[in-house]
Amino acid sequence: MECKEISEDVKKELDIRLQNLEDDITKLYTWDEVKTYLKSIRETKS
């Protein structure tokens, strides 16, 4: 299935997320950062 258009709802959500990144309200993490974090909390609970 090929999609060439993005719905207005998706555009709005992406705009909000991008604005939050620009305003330092949220942070973009790499997959390696996420895996490292998850591993660290698992070790803490053990």
Protein backbone atom coordinates (compact mmCIF):
# COMPACT_ATOMS: atom_id res chain seq x y z
CA MET A 1 0.00 0.00 0.00
CA GLU A 2 1.43 3.36 -1.02
CA CYS A 3 0.47 6.58 0.69
CA LYS A 4 1.40 9.86 -0.95
CA GLU A 5 -0.53 12.21 1.30
CA ILE A 6 -0.50 12.84 5.02
CA SER A 7 -3.75 13.60 6.77
CA GLU A 8 -4.24 16.96 8.45
CA ASP A 9 -4.34 15.26 11.87
CA VAL A 10 -0.94 13.67 11.27
CA LYS A 11 0.49 16.97 10.02
CA LYS A 12 -0.74 18.73 13.16
CA GLU A 13 0.75 16.06 15.41
CA LEU A 14 4.10 16.24 13.61
CA ASP A 15 4.09 20.04 13.84
CA ILE A 16 3.46 19.82 17.58
CA ARG A 17 6.24 17.29 18.07
CA LEU A 18 8.70 19.31 16.00
CA GLN A 19 7.83 22.49 17.88
CA ASN A 20 8.34 20.71 21.20
CA LEU A 21 11.80 19.62 20.03
CA GLU A 22 12.67 23.15 18.94
CA ASP A 23 11.44 24.58 22.25
CA ASP A 24 13.40 22.00 24.29
CA ILE A 25 10.18 20.67 25.77
CA THR A 26 11.09 17.19 24.65
CA LYS A 27 14.21 15.40 23.48
CA LEU A 28 14.86 13.11 20.55
CA TYR A 29 16.60 9.88 21.58
CA THR A 30 18.50 7.41 19.46
CA TRP A 31 17.54 3.76 19.62
CA ASP A 32 20.87 3.00 21.33
CA GLU A 33 20.10 5.56 24.05
CA VAL A 34 16.71 3.95 24.62
CA LYS A 35 18.21 0.45 24.84
CA THR A 36 20.87 1.63 27.28
CA TYR A 37 18.26 3.27 29.48
CA LEU A 38 16.02 0.20 29.46
CA LYS A 39 18.96 -2.03 30.31
CA SER A 40 19.93 0.22 33.23
CA ILE A 41 16.46 0.21 34.77
CA ARG A 42 16.23 -3.58 34.42
CA GLU A 43 19.55 -3.97 36.25
CA THR A 44 18.36 -1.64 39.00
CA LYS A 45 15.21 -3.70 39.59
CA SER A 46 17.14 -7.00 39.81
